[in-house]
Amino acid sequence: MQFLADENCDEEVVRALRADGHDVALVRERCPGAEDAAVAELALAERRIVLTEDKDFGQLAQALSAARVGVILIRFPSQARSTVGRSVSAAVSLFGNRLVQAFTVVEPGQVRSTSIEP
């Protein structure tokens, strides 16, 4: 699968997904400082699922549902950060291609995914 890691995405998530064979591009390398709308446009153009820890991005993802930009919102408190990479990797394995057109929230011990198909 192809992902686009927002600037706030934990590097451990990127490492875990790459170790699983996924293609993960980084906003901080491709377009540093980009606004959420530009990140969404890049994700759509390259058919990538956005990885973010920015809860405001979820609102933008819902607004872009017609464009079918998949988003994984990662919500891990500091005391649970040691498992963030494994947890996101497990969620990707579990949901697979359904993530492409979904808004997914990954939290310690919990994953929720909602289709954003029009």
N, C-alpha and C. Protein backbone atom coordinates (compact mmCIF):
# COMPACT_ATOMS: atom_id res chain seq x y z
N MET A 1 0.85 -1.18 0.00
CA MET A 1 0.00 0.00 0.00
C MET A 1 0.89 1.24 0.00
N GLN A 2 0.29 2.35 -0.40
CA GLN A 2 1.02 3.61 -0.45
C GLN A 2 0.46 4.57 0.59
N PHE A 3 1.37 5.19 1.34
CA PHE A 3 0.99 6.12 2.40
C PHE A 3 1.73 7.43 2.23
N LEU A 4 1.16 8.48 2.82
CA LEU A 4 1.80 9.79 2.90
C LEU A 4 1.79 10.19 4.37
N ALA A 5 2.97 10.22 4.99
CA ALA A 5 3.07 10.55 6.41
C ALA A 5 3.14 12.06 6.59
N ASP A 6 2.15 12.60 7.27
CA ASP A 6 2.12 14.02 7.61
C ASP A 6 3.34 14.35 8.46
N GLU A 7 3.69 15.62 8.54
CA GLU A 7 4.89 16.03 9.27
C GLU A 7 4.88 15.63 10.74
N ASN A 8 3.71 15.47 11.32
CA ASN A 8 3.63 15.14 12.73
C ASN A 8 3.58 13.63 12.98
N CYS A 9 3.67 12.83 11.95
CA CYS A 9 3.58 11.38 12.09
C CYS A 9 4.86 10.83 12.72
N ASP A 10 4.71 10.00 13.72
CA ASP A 10 5.83 9.40 14.44
C ASP A 10 6.69 8.57 13.48
N GLU A 11 7.99 8.76 13.54
CA GLU A 11 8.93 8.03 12.69
C GLU A 11 8.82 6.52 12.88
N GLU A 12 8.43 6.08 14.06
CA GLU A 12 8.28 4.65 14.32
C GLU A 12 7.18 4.05 13.44
N VAL A 13 6.14 4.81 13.17
CA VAL A 13 5.07 4.35 12.28
C VAL A 13 5.63 4.16 10.87
N VAL A 14 6.41 5.12 10.41
CA VAL A 14 7.01 5.05 9.08
C VAL A 14 7.92 3.83 8.98
N ARG A 15 8.78 3.62 9.97
CA ARG A 15 9.68 2.47 9.97
C ARG A 15 8.92 1.15 9.95
N ALA A 16 7.88 1.05 10.77
CA ALA A 16 7.11 -0.20 10.85
C ALA A 16 6.43 -0.52 9.52
N LEU A 17 5.82 0.48 8.90
CA LEU A 17 5.13 0.25 7.63
C LEU A 17 6.12 -0.08 6.51
N ARG A 18 7.26 0.60 6.49
CA ARG A 18 8.27 0.29 5.48
C ARG A 18 8.82 -1.11 5.68
N ALA A 19 9.00 -1.52 6.94
CA ALA A 19 9.48 -2.87 7.23
C ALA A 19 8.50 -3.92 6.73
N ASP A 20 7.22 -3.56 6.69
CA ASP A 20 6.19 -4.47 6.17
C ASP A 20 6.09 -4.43 4.65
N GLY A 21 6.92 -3.60 4.01
CA GLY A 21 6.94 -3.55 2.55
C GLY A 21 6.08 -2.47 1.93
N HIS A 22 5.54 -1.56 2.73
CA HIS A 22 4.69 -0.49 2.21
C HIS A 22 5.54 0.69 1.74
N ASP A 23 5.00 1.43 0.79
CA ASP A 23 5.63 2.63 0.26
C ASP A 23 5.13 3.82 1.08
N VAL A 24 6.03 4.45 1.84
CA VAL A 24 5.64 5.57 2.69
C VAL A 24 6.44 6.81 2.29
N ALA A 25 5.75 7.81 1.73
CA ALA A 25 6.37 9.09 1.40
C ALA A 25 6.18 10.02 2.60
N LEU A 26 7.11 10.97 2.74
CA LEU A 26 7.07 11.89 3.89
C LEU A 26 6.79 13.31 3.44
N VAL A 27 5.81 13.95 4.06
CA VAL A 27 5.50 15.35 3.75
C VAL A 27 6.72 16.22 4.03
N ARG A 28 7.43 15.94 5.11
CA ARG A 28 8.58 16.79 5.47
C ARG A 28 9.69 16.74 4.43
N GLU A 29 9.71 15.72 3.57
CA GLU A 29 10.68 15.64 2.48
C GLU A 29 10.11 16.16 1.17
N ARG A 30 8.83 15.95 0.94
CA ARG A 30 8.21 16.28 -0.34
C ARG A 30 7.72 17.72 -0.41
N CYS A 31 7.09 18.20 0.66
CA CYS A 31 6.55 19.56 0.66
C CYS A 31 6.48 20.08 2.11
N PRO A 32 7.63 20.34 2.72
CA PRO A 32 7.65 20.75 4.13
C PRO A 32 6.78 21.98 4.38
N GLY A 33 6.07 21.94 5.49
CA GLY A 33 5.24 23.06 5.90
C GLY A 33 3.92 23.18 5.15
N ALA A 34 3.58 22.17 4.35
CA ALA A 34 2.36 22.23 3.54
C ALA A 34 1.11 22.27 4.43
N GLU A 35 0.14 23.01 3.98
CA GLU A 35 -1.16 23.06 4.66
C GLU A 35 -1.88 21.73 4.43
N ASP A 36 -2.86 21.44 5.29
CA ASP A 36 -3.61 20.18 5.19
C ASP A 36 -4.21 19.97 3.80
N ALA A 37 -4.74 21.03 3.20
CA ALA A 37 -5.36 20.90 1.88
C ALA A 37 -4.34 20.45 0.84
N ALA A 38 -3.12 20.98 0.91
CA ALA A 38 -2.07 20.59 -0.03
C ALA A 38 -1.64 19.15 0.21
N VAL A 39 -1.60 18.72 1.46
CA VAL A 39 -1.28 17.34 1.79
C VAL A 39 -2.34 16.41 1.21
N ALA A 40 -3.59 16.78 1.37
CA ALA A 40 -4.69 15.98 0.82
C ALA A 40 -4.61 15.91 -0.70
N GLU A 41 -4.30 17.03 -1.35
CA GLU A 41 -4.18 17.04 -2.81
C GLU A 41 -3.06 16.12 -3.28
N LEU A 42 -1.91 16.15 -2.57
CA LEU A 42 -0.80 15.27 -2.92
C LEU A 42 -1.19 13.81 -2.73
N ALA A 43 -1.85 13.53 -1.62
CA ALA A 43 -2.28 12.15 -1.35
C ALA A 43 -3.23 11.67 -2.45
N LEU A 44 -4.15 12.51 -2.85
CA LEU A 44 -5.10 12.15 -3.90
C LEU A 44 -4.39 11.94 -5.23
N ALA A 45 -3.50 12.86 -5.58
CA ALA A 45 -2.79 12.77 -6.86
C ALA A 45 -1.95 11.50 -6.95
N GLU A 46 -1.38 11.09 -5.81
CA GLU A 46 -0.51 9.91 -5.80
C GLU A 46 -1.21 8.66 -5.27
N ARG A 47 -2.50 8.80 -4.99
CA ARG A 47 -3.30 7.68 -4.49
C ARG A 47 -2.69 7.08 -3.22
N ARG A 48 -2.42 7.96 -2.24
CA ARG A 48 -1.81 7.56 -0.98
C ARG A 48 -2.78 7.79 0.18
N ILE A 49 -2.68 6.95 1.17
CA ILE A 49 -3.45 7.11 2.41
C ILE A 49 -2.64 8.01 3.33
N VAL A 50 -3.28 9.02 3.90
CA VAL A 50 -2.59 9.96 4.79
C VAL A 50 -2.48 9.38 6.19
N LEU A 51 -1.27 9.44 6.74
CA LEU A 51 -1.00 9.08 8.13
C LEU A 51 -0.79 10.38 8.90
N THR A 52 -1.58 10.62 9.93
CA THR A 52 -1.46 11.88 10.65
C THR A 52 -1.77 11.72 12.13
N GLU A 53 -1.24 12.62 12.91
CA GLU A 53 -1.60 12.70 14.33
C GLU A 53 -2.32 14.02 14.60
N ASP A 54 -2.68 14.71 13.54
CA ASP A 54 -3.37 15.99 13.61
C ASP A 54 -4.88 15.76 13.57
N LYS A 55 -5.55 15.90 14.72
CA LYS A 55 -6.98 15.59 14.75
C LYS A 55 -7.81 16.53 13.88
N ASP A 56 -7.30 17.71 13.56
CA ASP A 56 -8.01 18.62 12.67
C ASP A 56 -8.05 18.09 11.24
N PHE A 57 -7.10 17.23 10.88
CA PHE A 57 -7.07 16.67 9.54
C PHE A 57 -8.30 15.80 9.29
N GLY A 58 -8.84 15.22 10.33
CA GLY A 58 -10.04 14.40 10.20
C GLY A 58 -11.20 15.18 9.64
N GLN A 59 -11.33 16.44 10.05
CA GLN A 59 -12.40 17.28 9.52
C GLN A 59 -12.20 17.53 8.03
N LEU A 60 -10.96 17.77 7.63
CA LEU A 60 -10.67 17.98 6.22
C LEU A 60 -10.94 16.70 5.44
N ALA A 61 -10.57 15.56 5.98
CA ALA A 61 -10.79 14.29 5.30
C ALA A 61 -12.27 14.06 5.05
N GLN A 62 -13.09 14.39 6.02
CA GLN A 62 -14.53 14.23 5.82
C GLN A 62 -15.03 15.17 4.74
N ALA A 63 -14.49 16.37 4.70
CA ALA A 63 -14.90 17.33 3.66
C ALA A 63 -14.47 16.85 2.28
N LEU A 64 -13.37 16.09 2.22
CA LEU A 64 -12.87 15.59 0.95
C LEU A 64 -13.36 14.18 0.63
N SER A 65 -14.40 13.74 1.31
CA SER A 65 -14.87 12.37 1.13
C SER A 65 -15.22 12.06 -0.32
N ALA A 66 -15.70 13.03 -1.04
CA ALA A 66 -16.03 12.80 -2.44
C ALA A 66 -14.77 12.47 -3.23
N ALA A 67 -13.63 12.98 -2.78
CA ALA A 67 -12.36 12.70 -3.44
C ALA A 67 -11.76 11.38 -2.97
N ARG A 68 -12.36 10.80 -1.94
CA ARG A 68 -11.94 9.49 -1.44
C ARG A 68 -10.49 9.46 -0.96
N VAL A 69 -10.09 10.45 -0.19
CA VAL A 69 -8.76 10.47 0.41
C VAL A 69 -8.83 9.68 1.71
N GLY A 70 -8.13 8.54 1.77
CA GLY A 70 -8.10 7.75 2.99
C GLY A 70 -7.20 8.41 4.03
N VAL A 71 -7.61 8.35 5.28
CA VAL A 71 -6.85 8.96 6.38
C VAL A 71 -6.77 7.99 7.54
N ILE A 72 -5.57 7.86 8.10
CA ILE A 72 -5.39 7.13 9.36
C ILE A 72 -4.96 8.16 10.40
N LEU A 73 -5.83 8.39 11.37
CA LEU A 73 -5.55 9.31 12.47
C LEU A 73 -4.99 8.50 13.62
N ILE A 74 -3.81 8.84 14.05
CA ILE A 74 -3.11 8.11 15.10
C ILE A 74 -3.22 8.89 16.40
N ARG A 75 -3.85 8.29 17.41
CA ARG A 75 -4.09 8.95 18.70
C ARG A 75 -3.45 8.13 19.81
N PHE A 76 -2.20 8.39 20.11
CA PHE A 76 -1.48 7.65 21.15
C PHE A 76 -0.92 8.62 22.18
N PRO A 77 -1.31 8.45 23.45
CA PRO A 77 -0.74 9.30 24.50
C PRO A 77 0.73 8.95 24.72
N SER A 78 1.46 9.84 25.36
CA SER A 78 2.90 9.64 25.53
C SER A 78 3.25 8.33 26.23
N GLN A 79 2.43 7.89 27.17
CA GLN A 79 2.74 6.67 27.90
C GLN A 79 2.56 5.40 27.06
N ALA A 80 1.96 5.51 25.88
CA ALA A 80 1.73 4.34 25.02
C ALA A 80 2.53 4.41 23.72
N ARG A 81 3.42 5.37 23.59
CA ARG A 81 4.14 5.60 22.32
C ARG A 81 5.00 4.41 21.90
N SER A 82 5.41 3.58 22.83
CA SER A 82 6.30 2.47 22.48
C SER A 82 5.62 1.45 21.57
N THR A 83 4.31 1.47 21.49
CA THR A 83 3.58 0.49 20.66
C THR A 83 2.96 1.11 19.41
N VAL A 84 3.21 2.37 19.16
CA VAL A 84 2.51 3.05 18.06
C VAL A 84 2.81 2.43 16.70
N GLY A 85 4.06 2.13 16.41
CA GLY A 85 4.41 1.54 15.12
C GLY A 85 3.75 0.19 14.90
N ARG A 86 3.84 -0.67 15.90
CA ARG A 86 3.23 -2.01 15.80
C ARG A 86 1.72 -1.91 15.67
N SER A 87 1.12 -0.98 16.39
CA SER A 87 -0.34 -0.85 16.36
C SER A 87 -0.85 -0.39 15.00
N VAL A 88 -0.18 0.58 14.40
CA VAL A 88 -0.59 1.05 13.08
C VAL A 88 -0.36 -0.05 12.04
N SER A 89 0.77 -0.72 12.14
CA SER A 89 1.06 -1.83 11.24
C SER A 89 -0.01 -2.92 11.34
N ALA A 90 -0.42 -3.25 12.54
CA ALA A 90 -1.47 -4.26 12.74
C ALA A 90 -2.79 -3.80 12.15
N ALA A 91 -3.13 -2.52 12.30
CA ALA A 91 -4.37 -1.99 11.74
C ALA A 91 -4.35 -2.07 10.22
N VAL A 92 -3.21 -1.75 9.63
CA VAL A 92 -3.08 -1.82 8.17
C VAL A 92 -3.25 -3.27 7.70
N SER A 93 -2.65 -4.20 8.41
CA SER A 93 -2.81 -5.62 8.06
C SER A 93 -4.27 -6.07 8.19
N LEU A 94 -4.93 -5.60 9.23
CA LEU A 94 -6.30 -6.01 9.49
C LEU A 94 -7.28 -5.45 8.46
N PHE A 95 -7.17 -4.18 8.14
CA PHE A 95 -8.15 -3.52 7.27
C PHE A 95 -7.75 -3.53 5.80
N GLY A 96 -6.48 -3.64 5.50
CA GLY A 96 -6.01 -3.72 4.12
C GLY A 96 -6.55 -2.63 3.22
N ASN A 97 -7.01 -3.02 2.03
CA ASN A 97 -7.46 -2.06 1.02
C ASN A 97 -8.68 -1.24 1.44
N ARG A 98 -9.38 -1.67 2.47
CA ARG A 98 -10.52 -0.87 2.94
C ARG A 98 -10.08 0.48 3.48
N LEU A 99 -8.80 0.64 3.81
CA LEU A 99 -8.28 1.91 4.32
C LEU A 99 -8.24 2.99 3.24
N VAL A 100 -8.21 2.58 1.99
CA VAL A 100 -8.08 3.53 0.88
C VAL A 100 -9.23 4.54 0.87
N GLN A 101 -10.42 4.11 1.20
CA GLN A 101 -11.58 5.01 1.18
C GLN A 101 -12.23 5.05 2.55
N ALA A 102 -11.39 5.25 3.58
CA ALA A 102 -11.91 5.24 4.95
C ALA A 102 -11.20 6.28 5.81
N PHE A 103 -11.90 6.67 6.85
CA PHE A 103 -11.31 7.47 7.91
C PHE A 103 -11.14 6.51 9.08
N THR A 104 -9.88 6.26 9.45
CA THR A 104 -9.56 5.26 10.46
C THR A 104 -8.84 5.92 11.63
N VAL A 105 -9.24 5.56 12.83
CA VAL A 105 -8.60 6.06 14.04
C VAL A 105 -7.93 4.88 14.73
N VAL A 106 -6.62 5.01 14.98
CA VAL A 106 -5.86 3.97 15.67
C VAL A 106 -5.46 4.53 17.04
N GLU A 107 -5.91 3.84 18.08
CA GLU A 107 -5.61 4.21 19.46
C GLU A 107 -5.07 2.98 20.16
N PRO A 108 -4.45 3.12 21.33
CA PRO A 108 -3.97 1.94 22.04
C PRO A 108 -5.11 0.94 22.26
N GLY A 109 -4.96 -0.26 21.73
CA GLY A 109 -5.94 -1.31 21.93
C GLY A 109 -7.24 -1.16 21.18
N GLN A 110 -7.33 -0.20 20.24
CA GLN A 110 -8.60 0.04 19.55
C GLN A 110 -8.37 0.64 18.16
N VAL A 111 -9.14 0.15 17.19
CA VAL A 111 -9.12 0.70 15.84
C VAL A 111 -10.56 0.86 15.39
N ARG A 112 -10.90 2.06 14.88
CA ARG A 112 -12.23 2.31 14.33
C ARG A 112 -12.04 2.81 12.89
N SER A 113 -12.85 2.28 12.00
CA SER A 113 -12.75 2.70 10.61
C SER A 113 -14.13 2.94 10.05
N THR A 114 -14.27 4.08 9.37
CA THR A 114 -15.54 4.46 8.77
C THR A 114 -15.33 4.75 7.29
N SER A 115 -16.09 4.13 6.45
CA SER A 115 -15.98 4.36 5.01
C SER A 115 -16.32 5.80 4.69
N ILE A 116 -15.55 6.40 3.76
CA ILE A 116 -15.85 7.77 3.31
C ILE A 116 -16.29 7.76 1.86
N GLU A 117 -16.76 6.61 1.40
CA GLU A 117 -17.26 6.55 0.03
C GLU A 117 -18.50 7.44 -0.09
N PRO A 118 -18.64 8.11 -1.22
CA PRO A 118 -19.82 8.97 -1.41
C PRO A 118 -21.09 8.16 -1.53
